[in-house]
């Protein structure tokens, strides 16, 4: 079996990652600036509509918007290489500081949601596979399909109406109460966003795990294990769950962008002060510098997770390595 050169292998991954980020930044930069809207409104507010031609020209020069788009991009790229991403037009401060204030909220919601989704998906998938075609499996499959088809924004509004407006058990928005911010207060504010995040993704991954487990249960080595007297439970726990671990880990890595996108929607509906809400605001108000770094962070996360998923898959399953020749067995 021919081994890959680690330097070339990881170097190629790194180069691919860098090129992808470059192309992403180029696309976002041009699309944002060619889109309709006035970025001066984001910086100056209502005063921008009352500016004279001369005042508008000076304002564009101050923000660096007077040059051709390609010149603006080169200037932005030179600053980005030095770690300078400009200021937010809306918040009048460095974009890194704006993001740093919101990022912990998204990591908290996304991290807990990710753990809940995959722990729950593995448990539900195993329960359904154990009870294949029985009443419990059918109920879970039907209920999961119905819940996963409900739009996240609609489910969010229904939960707000029931639990925040009518019952008044839970807050309808925010990450903490003004003046509060303790662990209990944070946990209460996370309940509804977490429910929506998990409901929108849980069954999708649970169903994939269920089907993968059922494929394992029908494989030849499982039939051999059953013929030796092992119970279905022992086969499922000792062999099948272990057999799907490569697929499970790859699925976890690939799913990060999927769950991240759902988290952004949930943040916007619940006015949760995270990266998702910030992304919506930056796009709405043409806050170019903030929008650029947010798109790069989101896109970079997507690209990086796909690369990591490929590396993990190749490490735990050598059959996926591109340069590994297939094994030939001589039956003669």
Protein backbone atom coordinates (compact mmCIF):
# COMPACT_ATOMS: atom_id res chain seq x y z
CA UNK A 1 0.00 0.00 0.00
CA UNK A 2 1.55 3.26 -1.12
CA UNK A 3 1.57 5.99 1.54
CA UNK A 4 0.99 9.64 0.81
CA UNK A 5 3.69 12.19 1.45
CA UNK A 6 2.33 14.13 4.50
CA UNK A 7 3.94 17.38 3.39
CA UNK A 8 2.43 17.25 -0.09
CA UNK A 9 -0.89 15.97 1.19
CA UNK A 10 -1.50 18.61 3.86
CA UNK A 11 0.24 21.28 1.80
CA UNK A 12 -2.18 20.63 -1.04
CA UNK A 13 -5.12 20.88 1.36
CA UNK A 14 -3.78 24.17 2.71
CA UNK A 15 -3.26 25.64 -0.76
CA UNK A 16 -6.75 24.56 -1.78
CA UNK A 17 -8.18 26.19 1.33
CA UNK A 18 -6.34 29.46 0.66
CA UNK A 19 -7.39 29.57 -3.01
CA UNK A 20 -11.01 28.88 -2.04
CA UNK A 21 -10.98 31.73 0.48
CA UNK A 22 -9.49 34.07 -2.11
CA UNK A 23 -12.16 33.24 -4.68
CA UNK A 24 -14.87 33.55 -2.05
CA UNK A 25 -13.64 36.98 -0.95
CA UNK A 26 -13.46 38.14 -4.57
CA UNK A 27 -17.02 37.00 -5.31
CA UNK A 28 -18.48 38.49 -2.13
CA UNK A 29 -16.66 41.80 -2.65
CA UNK A 30 -17.98 42.30 -6.18
CA UNK A 31 -21.51 41.06 -5.50
CA UNK A 32 -21.88 43.24 -2.40
CA UNK A 33 -20.75 46.41 -4.17
CA UNK A 34 -22.77 45.77 -7.32
CA UNK A 35 -25.94 45.10 -5.34
CA UNK A 36 -28.46 47.95 -5.05
CA UNK A 37 -28.27 50.09 -1.93
CA UNK A 38 -26.41 53.01 -0.43
CA UNK A 39 -23.63 52.19 2.07
CA UNK A 40 -23.52 55.83 3.16
CA UNK A 41 -26.92 55.34 4.80
CA UNK A 42 -25.37 52.69 7.03
CA UNK A 43 -22.64 55.09 8.17
CA UNK A 44 -24.42 58.45 8.21
CA UNK A 45 -28.04 57.41 8.72
CA UNK A 46 -30.75 59.73 7.47
CA UNK A 47 -28.17 62.48 6.89
CA UNK A 48 -26.98 60.64 3.76
CA UNK A 49 -30.23 61.45 1.95
CA UNK A 50 -29.76 65.18 2.57
CA UNK A 51 -26.14 65.38 1.44
CA UNK A 52 -25.12 67.57 -1.45
CA UNK A 53 -23.07 66.18 -4.31
CA UNK A 54 -19.89 67.60 -2.82
CA UNK A 55 -20.64 66.20 0.65
CA UNK A 56 -21.39 62.77 -0.80
CA UNK A 57 -18.13 62.82 -2.76
CA UNK A 58 -16.13 63.65 0.37
CA UNK A 59 -17.98 60.95 2.33
CA UNK A 60 -17.19 58.32 -0.31
CA UNK A 61 -13.54 59.36 -0.31
CA UNK A 62 -13.44 59.05 3.47
CA UNK A 63 -14.80 55.51 3.33
CA UNK A 64 -12.69 54.54 0.30
CA UNK A 65 -15.71 54.07 -1.97
CA UNK A 66 -14.62 56.54 -4.65
CA UNK A 67 -12.21 54.17 -6.42
CA UNK A 68 -13.08 51.48 -9.02
CA UNK A 69 -14.15 48.16 -7.52
CA UNK A 70 -10.95 46.34 -8.45
CA UNK A 71 -8.86 49.04 -6.78
CA UNK A 72 -11.04 48.84 -3.67
CA UNK A 73 -10.58 45.07 -3.58
CA UNK A 74 -6.80 45.30 -3.85
CA UNK A 75 -6.73 47.81 -1.00
CA UNK A 76 -9.00 45.62 1.11
CA UNK A 77 -6.89 42.52 0.38
CA UNK A 78 -3.67 44.31 1.32
CA UNK A 79 -5.22 45.31 4.63
CA UNK A 80 -6.66 41.83 5.22
CA UNK A 81 -3.22 40.25 4.79
CA UNK A 82 -2.01 42.55 7.58
CA UNK A 83 -5.02 41.65 9.74
CA UNK A 84 -6.77 44.99 9.12
CA UNK A 85 -10.36 44.49 7.93
CA UNK A 86 -11.64 48.04 8.29
CA UNK A 87 -14.41 49.50 10.40
CA UNK A 88 -18.09 48.68 10.52
CA UNK A 89 -20.13 51.43 8.89
CA UNK A 90 -23.05 50.81 11.25
CA UNK A 91 -21.18 50.40 14.54
CA UNK A 92 -18.31 52.83 13.80
CA UNK A 93 -15.71 50.47 15.22
CA UNK A 94 -13.32 47.75 14.05
CA UNK A 95 -15.19 44.81 12.54
CA UNK A 96 -13.16 42.32 14.60
CA UNK A 97 -14.35 43.95 17.81
CA UNK A 98 -17.96 43.83 16.63
CA UNK A 99 -17.71 40.15 15.75
CA UNK A 100 -15.82 39.26 18.94
CA UNK A 101 -18.72 40.62 20.99
CA UNK A 102 -21.26 38.40 19.19
CA UNK A 103 -19.26 35.26 18.41
CA UNK A 104 -19.50 33.64 21.90
CA UNK A 105 -23.31 33.69 21.68
CA UNK A 106 -23.30 31.85 18.36
CA UNK A 107 -20.69 29.35 19.57
CA UNK A 108 -22.81 28.64 22.64
CA UNK A 109 -26.03 28.12 20.69
CA UNK A 110 -24.37 26.29 17.80
CA UNK A 111 -22.15 24.13 20.01
CA UNK A 112 -24.94 22.95 22.30
CA UNK A 113 -27.25 22.49 19.33
CA UNK A 114 -24.62 20.44 17.49
CA UNK A 115 -24.09 18.17 20.50
CA UNK A 116 -27.84 17.72 21.06
CA UNK A 117 -28.49 16.98 17.40
CA UNK A 118 -25.83 14.30 17.01
CA UNK A 119 -26.31 12.65 20.39
CA UNK A 120 -30.05 12.57 19.73
CA UNK A 121 -29.61 11.45 16.12
CA UNK A 122 -27.42 8.51 17.16
CA UNK A 123 -29.88 7.49 19.88
CA UNK A 124 -32.94 7.82 17.64
CA UNK A 125 -31.24 6.03 14.75
CA UNK A 126 -30.26 3.12 17.01
CA UNK A 127 -33.77 2.88 18.51
CA UNK A 128 -35.40 2.85 15.07
CA UNK A 129 -32.93 0.27 13.73
CA UNK A 130 -33.47 -1.92 16.80
CA UNK A 131 -37.26 -1.72 16.32
CA UNK A 132 -37.27 -1.89 12.51
CA UNK A 133 -40.81 -1.82 11.09
CA UNK A 134 -42.34 -2.07 14.58
CA UNK A 135 -44.84 0.45 15.92
CA UNK A 136 -42.19 2.54 17.69
CA UNK A 137 -40.05 2.79 14.54
CA UNK A 138 -43.07 3.81 12.47
CA UNK A 139 -44.22 6.45 14.95
CA UNK A 140 -40.75 7.99 15.24
CA UNK A 141 -40.27 7.98 11.46
CA UNK A 142 -43.61 9.66 10.78
CA UNK A 143 -43.27 12.20 13.59
CA UNK A 144 -39.68 13.00 12.61
CA UNK A 145 -40.62 13.49 8.96
CA UNK A 146 -43.45 15.87 9.87
CA UNK A 147 -41.33 17.93 12.28
CA UNK A 148 -38.37 18.17 9.89
CA UNK A 149 -40.64 19.56 7.15
CA UNK A 150 -41.82 22.48 9.29
CA UNK A 151 -40.01 25.70 8.28
CA UNK A 152 -37.76 26.93 11.06
CA UNK A 153 -39.03 30.52 10.96
CA UNK A 154 -42.67 29.34 11.22
CA UNK A 155 -41.93 26.97 14.10
CA UNK A 156 -40.06 29.78 15.85
CA UNK A 157 -43.07 32.10 15.60
CA UNK A 158 -45.45 29.41 16.88
CA UNK A 159 -43.23 28.67 19.88
CA UNK A 160 -42.91 32.39 20.65
CA UNK A 161 -46.69 32.79 20.48
CA UNK A 162 -47.36 29.81 22.77
CA UNK A 163 -44.54 29.86 25.32
CA UNK A 164 -43.59 33.56 25.38
CA UNK A 165 -46.83 35.44 24.64
CA UNK A 166 -49.62 33.20 25.96
CA UNK A 167 -48.00 31.11 28.70
CA UNK A 168 -45.18 33.57 29.49
CA UNK A 169 -42.89 30.74 30.51
CA UNK A 170 -39.92 31.67 28.32
CA UNK A 171 -38.43 34.87 26.85
CA UNK A 172 -39.13 35.59 23.21
CA UNK A 173 -35.80 37.15 22.25
CA UNK A 174 -32.28 38.00 23.27
CA UNK A 175 -29.47 36.00 24.85
CA UNK A 176 -29.93 37.29 28.40
CA UNK A 177 -32.00 39.71 30.43
CA UNK A 178 -30.69 43.26 30.59
CA UNK A 179 -28.96 43.59 33.92
CA UNK A 180 -28.86 39.80 34.34
CA UNK A 181 -26.73 37.35 32.42
CA UNK A 182 -26.31 34.52 34.92
CA UNK A 183 -26.14 30.86 33.91
CA UNK A 184 -29.81 30.29 34.67
CA UNK A 185 -30.86 33.36 32.73
CA UNK A 186 -28.71 32.33 29.76
CA UNK A 187 -30.16 28.81 29.83
CA UNK A 188 -33.75 30.08 29.80
CA UNK A 189 -33.05 32.26 26.77
CA UNK A 190 -31.47 29.32 24.95
CA UNK A 191 -34.46 26.97 25.30
CA UNK A 192 -36.58 28.10 22.35
CA UNK A 193 -33.69 28.69 19.91
CA UNK A 194 -32.25 25.27 20.80
CA UNK A 195 -35.60 23.53 20.31
CA UNK A 196 -35.99 25.04 16.84
CA UNK A 197 -32.37 24.32 15.88
CA UNK A 198 -32.64 20.67 16.98
CA UNK A 199 -36.10 20.15 15.48
CA UNK A 200 -34.97 21.37 12.09
CA UNK A 201 -32.02 18.95 11.81
CA UNK A 202 -32.41 16.07 14.26
CA UNK A 203 -34.47 13.68 12.19
CA UNK A 204 -32.53 14.35 9.00
CA UNK A 205 -29.37 12.90 10.55
CA UNK A 206 -31.20 10.30 12.67
CA UNK A 207 -32.79 8.85 9.52
CA UNK A 208 -29.41 8.62 7.80
CA UNK A 209 -27.95 6.83 10.83
CA UNK A 210 -30.95 4.50 10.99
CA UNK A 211 -30.53 3.47 7.36
CA UNK A 212 -26.78 3.03 7.77
CA UNK A 213 -27.32 0.78 10.79
CA UNK A 214 -29.87 -1.29 8.88
CA UNK A 215 -27.35 -1.76 6.06
CA UNK A 216 -24.82 -2.99 8.62
CA UNK A 217 -27.37 -5.37 10.16
CA UNK A 218 -27.88 -7.00 6.76
CA UNK A 219 -24.19 -7.38 5.97
CA UNK A 220 -22.44 -10.76 5.81
CA UNK A 221 -20.38 -10.40 8.97
CA UNK A 222 -23.53 -9.65 10.98
CA UNK A 223 -25.20 -12.78 9.65
CA UNK A 224 -22.09 -14.71 10.68
CA UNK A 225 -22.19 -13.18 14.16
CA UNK A 226 -25.85 -14.11 14.54
CA UNK A 227 -25.12 -17.66 13.44
CA UNK A 228 -22.61 -17.89 16.30
CA UNK A 229 -25.35 -17.13 18.79
CA UNK A 230 -24.91 -13.38 19.38
CA UNK A 231 -28.15 -11.54 20.11
CA UNK A 232 -29.43 -8.73 17.89
CA UNK A 233 -28.67 -6.25 20.67
CA UNK A 234 -25.08 -7.44 21.03
CA UNK A 235 -24.55 -7.29 17.27
CA UNK A 236 -26.01 -3.79 17.07
CA UNK A 237 -23.96 -2.39 19.96
CA UNK A 238 -20.66 -4.23 19.52
CA UNK A 239 -20.42 -4.42 15.75
CA UNK A 240 -22.87 -2.22 13.84
CA UNK A 241 -22.38 0.97 15.85
CA UNK A 242 -18.63 0.52 15.58
CA UNK A 243 -18.95 -0.12 11.85
CA UNK A 244 -20.82 3.12 11.14
CA UNK A 245 -18.42 5.31 13.14
CA UNK A 246 -16.43 6.40 10.03
CA UNK A 247 -19.65 7.48 8.33
CA UNK A 248 -20.91 9.07 11.56
CA UNK A 249 -17.77 11.16 12.08
CA UNK A 250 -17.71 12.25 8.44
CA UNK A 251 -21.37 13.18 8.67
CA UNK A 252 -20.68 15.29 11.75
CA UNK A 253 -17.92 17.22 9.99
CA UNK A 254 -19.91 17.79 6.81
CA UNK A 255 -23.04 18.83 8.72
CA UNK A 256 -21.47 21.86 10.42
CA UNK A 257 -22.39 24.26 7.56
CA UNK A 258 -25.92 22.84 7.45
CA UNK A 259 -26.48 23.37 11.16
CA UNK A 260 -24.69 26.72 11.05
CA UNK A 261 -27.09 27.97 8.39
CA UNK A 262 -30.06 26.91 10.48
CA UNK A 263 -28.59 28.65 13.51
CA UNK A 264 -28.37 31.91 11.54
CA UNK A 265 -32.08 31.73 10.71
CA UNK A 266 -32.99 31.01 14.33
CA UNK A 267 -30.87 33.90 15.56
CA UNK A 268 -32.62 36.32 13.23
CA UNK A 269 -36.13 35.25 14.25
CA UNK A 270 -35.38 35.29 17.99
CA UNK A 271 -33.27 38.49 17.76
CA UNK A 272 -30.48 36.48 19.32
CA UNK A 273 -27.31 38.61 19.32
CA UNK A 274 -25.03 36.30 17.38
CA UNK A 275 -23.22 36.07 14.07
CA UNK A 276 -26.42 35.20 12.21
CA UNK A 277 -28.20 38.38 13.26
CA UNK A 278 -25.05 40.37 12.53
CA UNK A 279 -24.84 38.85 9.02
CA UNK A 280 -28.43 39.85 8.29
CA UNK A 281 -27.80 43.40 9.51
CA UNK A 282 -24.58 43.79 7.52
CA UNK A 283 -26.27 42.67 4.30
CA UNK A 284 -29.33 44.84 4.91
CA UNK A 285 -27.37 48.01 5.60
CA UNK A 286 -24.57 47.45 3.04
CA UNK A 287 -22.00 47.34 5.83
CA UNK A 288 -19.34 46.11 3.38
CA UNK A 289 -16.39 45.54 5.69
CA UNK A 290 -18.47 43.65 8.24
CA UNK A 291 -20.22 41.63 5.55
CA UNK A 292 -16.90 40.62 4.00
CA UNK A 293 -15.36 39.18 7.15
CA UNK A 294 -18.62 37.45 8.16
CA UNK A 295 -18.90 35.77 4.75
CA UNK A 296 -15.27 34.70 4.91
CA UNK A 297 -15.76 33.24 8.40
CA UNK A 298 -18.90 31.36 7.34
CA UNK A 299 -17.50 30.25 4.00
CA UNK A 300 -14.14 29.34 5.52
CA UNK A 301 -15.93 27.21 8.11
CA UNK A 302 -17.80 25.37 5.35
CA UNK A 303 -14.64 24.74 3.32
CA UNK A 304 -12.57 23.75 6.35
CA UNK A 305 -15.20 21.29 7.61
CA UNK A 306 -15.39 19.60 4.22
CA UNK A 307 -11.60 19.28 4.11
CA UNK A 308 -11.51 17.89 7.65
CA UNK A 309 -14.30 15.45 6.80
CA UNK A 310 -12.28 14.14 3.87
CA UNK A 311 -9.12 13.81 5.99
CA UNK A 312 -10.98 12.01 8.79
CA UNK A 313 -12.68 9.68 6.33
CA UNK A 314 -9.40 8.76 4.68
CA UNK A 315 -7.72 8.19 8.04
CA UNK A 316 -10.35 5.86 9.44
CA UNK A 317 -11.28 4.22 6.13
CA UNK A 318 -8.23 3.55 3.89
CA UNK A 319 -10.52 2.47 1.05
CA UNK A 320 -11.34 6.14 0.44
CA UNK A 321 -7.74 7.12 -0.29
CA UNK A 322 -7.42 8.12 -3.90
CA UNK A 323 -3.98 6.67 -4.40
CA UNK A 324 -4.60 3.36 -2.66
CA UNK A 325 -4.82 0.61 -5.28
CA UNK A 326 -7.61 -1.92 -4.82
CA UNK A 327 -6.63 -5.16 -3.21
CA UNK A 328 -6.61 -8.17 -5.50
CA UNK A 329 -7.20 -11.58 -4.01
CA UNK A 330 -5.85 -14.60 -5.83
CA UNK A 331 -8.43 -17.38 -5.55
CA UNK A 332 -6.43 -19.62 -7.78
